[in-house]
PDB file of N, CA and C in Angstrom:
ATOM      1  N   UNK A   1      76.259 127.928 103.238  1.00  0.00           N
ATOM      2  CA  UNK A   1      76.053 127.678 101.870  1.00  0.00           C
ATOM      3  C   UNK A   1      77.290 128.025 101.496  1.00  0.00           C
ATOM      4  N   UNK A   2      77.817 128.457 101.730  1.00  0.00           N
ATOM      5  CA  UNK A   2      79.684 129.242 101.060  1.00  0.00           C
ATOM      6  C   UNK A   2      80.513 127.320 101.047  1.00  0.00           C
ATOM      7  N   UNK A   3      80.170 127.038 102.427  1.00  0.00           N
ATOM      8  CA  UNK A   3      80.640 125.421 102.391  1.00  0.00           C
ATOM      9  C   UNK A   3      80.371 124.732 100.928  1.00  0.00           C
ATOM     10  N   UNK A   4      79.370 124.437 100.702  1.00  0.00           N
ATOM     11  CA  UNK A   4      78.911 123.530 100.164  1.00  0.00           C
ATOM     12  C   UNK A   4      79.438 124.007  98.191  1.00  0.00           C
ATOM     13  N   UNK A   5      79.145 125.276  98.303  1.00  0.00           N
ATOM     14  CA  UNK A   5      79.713 125.907  96.461  1.00  0.00           C
ATOM     15  C   UNK A   5      80.920 125.709  96.664  1.00  0.00           C
ATOM     16  N   UNK A   6      81.701 125.800  97.799  1.00  0.00           N
ATOM     17  CA  UNK A   6      82.950 125.772  97.537  1.00  0.00           C
ATOM     18  C   UNK A   6      83.211 124.254  97.732  1.00  0.00           C
ATOM     19  N   UNK A   7      82.564 123.509  98.297  1.00  0.00           N
ATOM     20  CA  UNK A   7      83.029 121.582  97.782  1.00  0.00           C
ATOM     21  C   UNK A   7      82.630 121.039  96.501  1.00  0.00           C
ATOM     22  N   UNK A   8      81.779 122.072  95.785  1.00  0.00           N
ATOM     23  CA  UNK A   8      81.312 121.479  94.800  1.00  0.00           C
ATOM     24  C   UNK A   8      82.859 121.635  93.748  1.00  0.00           C
ATOM     25  N   UNK A   9      83.110 123.227  94.109  1.00  0.00           N
ATOM     26  CA  UNK A   9      84.070 123.249  93.112  1.00  0.00           C
ATOM     27  C   UNK A   9      85.601 122.881  93.298  1.00  0.00           C
ATOM     28  N   UNK A  10      85.486 121.970  94.417  1.00  0.00           N
ATOM     29  CA  UNK A  10      86.779 121.060  94.584  1.00  0.00           C
ATOM     30  C   UNK A  10      87.078 120.150  94.057  1.00  0.00           C
ATOM     31  N   UNK A  11      88.361 119.916  93.449  1.00  0.00           N
ATOM     32  CA  UNK A  11      88.415 118.967  92.203  1.00  0.00           C
ATOM     33  C   UNK A  11      89.949 118.276  92.972  1.00  0.00           C
ATOM     34  N   UNK A  12      89.863 118.195  94.376  1.00  0.00           N
ATOM     35  CA  UNK A  12      91.277 117.764  94.633  1.00  0.00           C
ATOM     36  C   UNK A  12      90.904 115.615  94.875  1.00  0.00           C
ATOM     37  N   UNK A  13      89.575 115.887  94.982  1.00  0.00           N
ATOM     38  CA  UNK A  13      89.229 114.040  95.344  1.00  0.00           C
ATOM     39  C   UNK A  13      89.143 113.594  93.835  1.00  0.00           C
ATOM     40  N   UNK A  14      88.865 114.012  92.719  1.00  0.00           N
ATOM     41  CA  UNK A  14      88.991 113.739  91.032  1.00  0.00           C
ATOM     42  C   UNK A  14      90.364 113.743  91.050  1.00  0.00           C
ATOM     43  N   UNK A  15      91.430 114.356  91.552  1.00  0.00           N
ATOM     44  CA  UNK A  15      92.335 114.388  91.303  1.00  0.00           C
ATOM     45  C   UNK A  15      93.169 113.233  91.840  1.00  0.00           C
ATOM     46  N   UNK A  16      93.078 112.895  93.195  1.00  0.00           N
ATOM     47  CA  UNK A  16      93.638 111.822  94.117  1.00  0.00           C
ATOM     48  C   UNK A  16      92.924 110.562  93.514  1.00  0.00           C
ATOM     49  N   UNK A  17      91.744 110.341  92.657  1.00  0.00           N
ATOM     50  CA  UNK A  17      91.176 109.310  92.334  1.00  0.00           C
ATOM     51  C   UNK A  17      91.848 109.189  90.794  1.00  0.00           C
ATOM     52  N   UNK A  18      91.781 109.927  90.204  1.00  0.00           N
ATOM     53  CA  UNK A  18      92.957 109.873  89.051  1.00  0.00           C
ATOM     54  C   UNK A  18      94.086 109.171  89.223  1.00  0.00           C
ATOM     55  N   UNK A  19      95.201 109.793  90.052  1.00  0.00           N
ATOM     56  CA  UNK A  19      96.142 109.270  90.251  1.00  0.00           C
ATOM     57  C   UNK A  19      95.990 107.754  91.032  1.00  0.00           C
ATOM     58  N   UNK A  20      94.875 107.766  91.675  1.00  0.00           N
ATOM     59  CA  UNK A  20      95.288 106.204  92.205  1.00  0.00           C
ATOM     60  C   UNK A  20      94.799 105.272  90.843  1.00  0.00           C
ATOM     61  N   UNK A  21      94.019 105.604  89.624  1.00  0.00           N
ATOM     62  CA  UNK A  21      94.106 104.970  88.373  1.00  0.00           C
ATOM     63  C   UNK A  21      95.233 104.894  88.189  1.00  0.00           C
ATOM     64  N   UNK A  22      95.857 105.432  88.101  1.00  0.00           N
ATOM     65  CA  UNK A  22      97.303 105.633  87.467  1.00  0.00           C
ATOM     66  C   UNK A  22      98.029 104.583  87.917  1.00  0.00           C
ATOM     67  N   UNK A  23      97.924 104.792  89.250  1.00  0.00           N
ATOM     68  CA  UNK A  23      98.994 103.933  90.428  1.00  0.00           C
ATOM     69  C   UNK A  23      98.693 102.585  89.942  1.00  0.00           C
ATOM     70  N   UNK A  24      97.408 101.879  89.862  1.00  0.00           N
ATOM     71  CA  UNK A  24      96.644 100.554  89.643  1.00  0.00           C
ATOM     72  C   UNK A  24      97.132  99.862  88.197  1.00  0.00           C
ATOM     73  N   UNK A  25      97.136 101.045  86.915  1.00  0.00           N
ATOM     74  CA  UNK A  25      97.543 100.910  86.120  1.00  0.00           C
ATOM     75  C   UNK A  25      98.837 100.197  86.072  1.00  0.00           C
ATOM     76  N   UNK A  26      99.989 101.101  86.467  1.00  0.00           N
ATOM     77  CA  UNK A  26     101.108 100.621  86.558  1.00  0.00           C
ATOM     78  C   UNK A  26     101.584  99.624  86.876  1.00  0.00           C
ATOM     79  N   UNK A  27     100.953  99.320  88.271  1.00  0.00           N
ATOM     80  CA  UNK A  27     100.912  98.245  89.181  1.00  0.00           C
ATOM     81  C   UNK A  27     100.887  96.428  88.137  1.00  0.00           C
ATOM     82  N   UNK A  28      99.371  97.160  87.492  1.00  0.00           N
ATOM     83  CA  UNK A  28      99.195  95.827  86.468  1.00  0.00           C
ATOM     84  C   UNK A  28     100.044  95.954  85.756  1.00  0.00           C
ATOM     85  N   UNK A  29     101.102  96.703  85.000  1.00  0.00           N
ATOM     86  CA  UNK A  29     101.975  96.851  83.865  1.00  0.00           C
ATOM     87  C   UNK A  29     103.178  95.682  84.647  1.00  0.00           C
ATOM     88  N   UNK A  30     103.578  96.255  85.881  1.00  0.00           N
ATOM     89  CA  UNK A  30     104.344  95.641  86.506  1.00  0.00           C
ATOM     90  C   UNK A  30     104.504  94.347  86.940  1.00  0.00           C
ATOM     91  N   UNK A  31     103.325  93.948  87.090  1.00  0.00           N
ATOM     92  CA  UNK A  31     103.048  92.320  87.566  1.00  0.00           C
ATOM     93  C   UNK A  31     103.218  91.719  86.197  1.00  0.00           C
ATOM     94  N   UNK A  32     102.371  92.145  85.414  1.00  0.00           N
ATOM     95  CA  UNK A  32     102.248  91.503  84.130  1.00  0.00           C
ATOM     96  C   UNK A  32     103.659  91.594  83.580  1.00  0.00           C
ATOM     97  N   UNK A  33     104.220  92.318  83.408  1.00  0.00           N
ATOM     98  CA  UNK A  33     106.187  92.256  83.167  1.00  0.00           C
ATOM     99  C   UNK A  33     106.877  91.136  83.828  1.00  0.00           C
ATOM    100  N   UNK A  34     106.864  91.137  85.043  1.00  0.00           N
ATOM    101  CA  UNK A  34     107.315  90.401  86.211  1.00  0.00           C
ATOM    102  C   UNK A  34     106.906  88.886  86.268  1.00  0.00           C
ATOM    103  N   UNK A  35     105.864  88.343  85.569  1.00  0.00           N
ATOM    104  CA  UNK A  35     105.095  87.059  85.977  1.00  0.00           C
ATOM    105  C   UNK A  35     105.684  86.466  84.295  1.00  0.00           C
ATOM    106  N   UNK A  36     105.871  87.854  82.944  1.00  0.00           N
ATOM    107  CA  UNK A  36     106.157  87.140  81.983  1.00  0.00           C
ATOM    108  C   UNK A  36     108.018  86.709  82.092  1.00  0.00           C
ATOM    109  N   UNK A  37     108.774  87.985  82.698  1.00  0.00           N
ATOM    110  CA  UNK A  37     109.912  87.554  83.157  1.00  0.00           C
ATOM    111  C   UNK A  37     109.871  86.231  84.148  1.00  0.00           C
ATOM    112  N   UNK A  38     109.513  86.100  84.961  1.00  0.00           N
ATOM    113  CA  UNK A  38     109.692  84.784  85.555  1.00  0.00           C
ATOM    114  C   UNK A  38     109.215  83.361  84.832  1.00  0.00           C
ATOM    115  N   UNK A  39     108.731  83.685  83.668  1.00  0.00           N
ATOM    116  CA  UNK A  39     108.553  82.203  82.978  1.00  0.00           C
ATOM    117  C   UNK A  39     109.780  82.206  82.300  1.00  0.00           C
ATOM    118  N   UNK A  40     110.320  83.395  81.632  1.00  0.00           N
ATOM    119  CA  UNK A  40     111.473  83.138  80.689  1.00  0.00           C
ATOM    120  C   UNK A  40     112.595  82.720  81.781  1.00  0.00           C
ATOM    121  N   UNK A  41     113.044  82.933  82.698  1.00  0.00           N
ATOM    122  CA  UNK A  41     113.905  82.735  83.776  1.00  0.00           C
ATOM    123  C   UNK A  41     114.052  81.239  84.271  1.00  0.00           C
ATOM    124  N   UNK A  42     112.236  80.891  84.607  1.00  0.00           N
ATOM    125  CA  UNK A  42     112.097  79.643  84.715  1.00  0.00           C
ATOM    126  C   UNK A  42     112.709  78.659  83.791  1.00  0.00           C
ATOM    127  N   UNK A  43     112.385  79.017  82.741  1.00  0.00           N
ATOM    128  CA  UNK A  43     112.474  78.266  81.263  1.00  0.00           C
ATOM    129  C   UNK A  43     114.119  77.680  81.010  1.00  0.00           C
ATOM    130  N   UNK A  44     114.500  79.147  81.407  1.00  0.00           N
ATOM    131  CA  UNK A  44     115.714  79.133  81.047  1.00  0.00           C
ATOM    132  C   UNK A  44     116.828  78.367  81.920  1.00  0.00           C
ATOM    133  N   UNK A  45     116.565  78.181  83.281  1.00  0.00           N
ATOM    134  CA  UNK A  45     116.795  77.329  84.487  1.00  0.00           C
ATOM    135  C   UNK A  45     116.676  76.011  84.105  1.00  0.00           C
ATOM    136  N   UNK A  46     115.587  75.887  83.499  1.00  0.00           N
ATOM    137  CA  UNK A  46     115.242  74.798  83.099  1.00  0.00           C
ATOM    138  C   UNK A  46     116.217  73.806  82.529  1.00  0.00           C
ATOM    139  N   UNK A  47     116.597  74.352  81.437  1.00  0.00           N
ATOM    140  CA  UNK A  47     117.085  74.412  80.274  1.00  0.00           C
ATOM    141  C   UNK A  47     118.940  74.175  80.789  1.00  0.00           C
ATOM    142  N   UNK A  48     119.078  74.852  81.605  1.00  0.00           N
ATOM    143  CA  UNK A  48     120.438  74.744  82.225  1.00  0.00           C
ATOM    144  C   UNK A  48     120.881  73.593  83.026  1.00  0.00           C
ATOM    145  N   UNK A  49     119.432  73.098  83.933  1.00  0.00           N
ATOM    146  CA  UNK A  49     119.101  72.201  84.632  1.00  0.00           C
ATOM    147  C   UNK A  49     119.538  70.481  83.594  1.00  0.00           C
ATOM    148  N   UNK A  50     118.526  70.988  82.900  1.00  0.00           N
ATOM    149  CA  UNK A  50     118.690  69.500  81.980  1.00  0.00           C
ATOM    150  C   UNK A  50     119.931  69.351  81.055  1.00  0.00           C
ATOM    151  N   UNK A  51     120.378  70.465  81.021  1.00  0.00           N
ATOM    152  CA  UNK A  51     121.580  70.250  80.422  1.00  0.00           C
ATOM    153  C   UNK A  51     122.829  69.726  80.989  1.00  0.00           C
ATOM    154  N   UNK A  52     122.589  70.366  82.192  1.00  0.00           N
ATOM    155  CA  UNK A  52     123.765  69.609  83.009  1.00  0.00           C
ATOM    156  C   UNK A  52     123.533  67.850  83.727  1.00  0.00           C
ATOM    157  N   UNK A  53     122.241  67.649  83.897  1.00  0.00           N
ATOM    158  CA  UNK A  53     121.892  66.298  84.297  1.00  0.00           C
ATOM    159  C   UNK A  53     121.952  65.291  82.535  1.00  0.00           C
ATOM    160  N   UNK A  54     122.362  65.795  81.788  1.00  0.00           N
ATOM    161  CA  UNK A  54     122.814  64.557  81.041  1.00  0.00           C
ATOM    162  C   UNK A  54     124.432  64.909  79.884  1.00  0.00           C
ATOM    163  N   UNK A  55     124.917  65.476  81.010  1.00  0.00           N
ATOM    164  CA  UNK A  55     126.648  65.915  81.104  1.00  0.00           C
ATOM    165  C   UNK A  55     126.817  64.386  81.501  1.00  0.00           C
TER     166      UNK A  55
END
């Protein structure tokens, strides 16, 4: 019975879930930032390519 009471008080599982959610949100933010930066870099390289082709 003591084991069940101790298990009910234990919050380490909740803490692990919270850390997991924070890590997931950070991951989504990084993916979004990299996607946006990647699009901008691709546009820049396309502009350079077009500029060199018209030379």
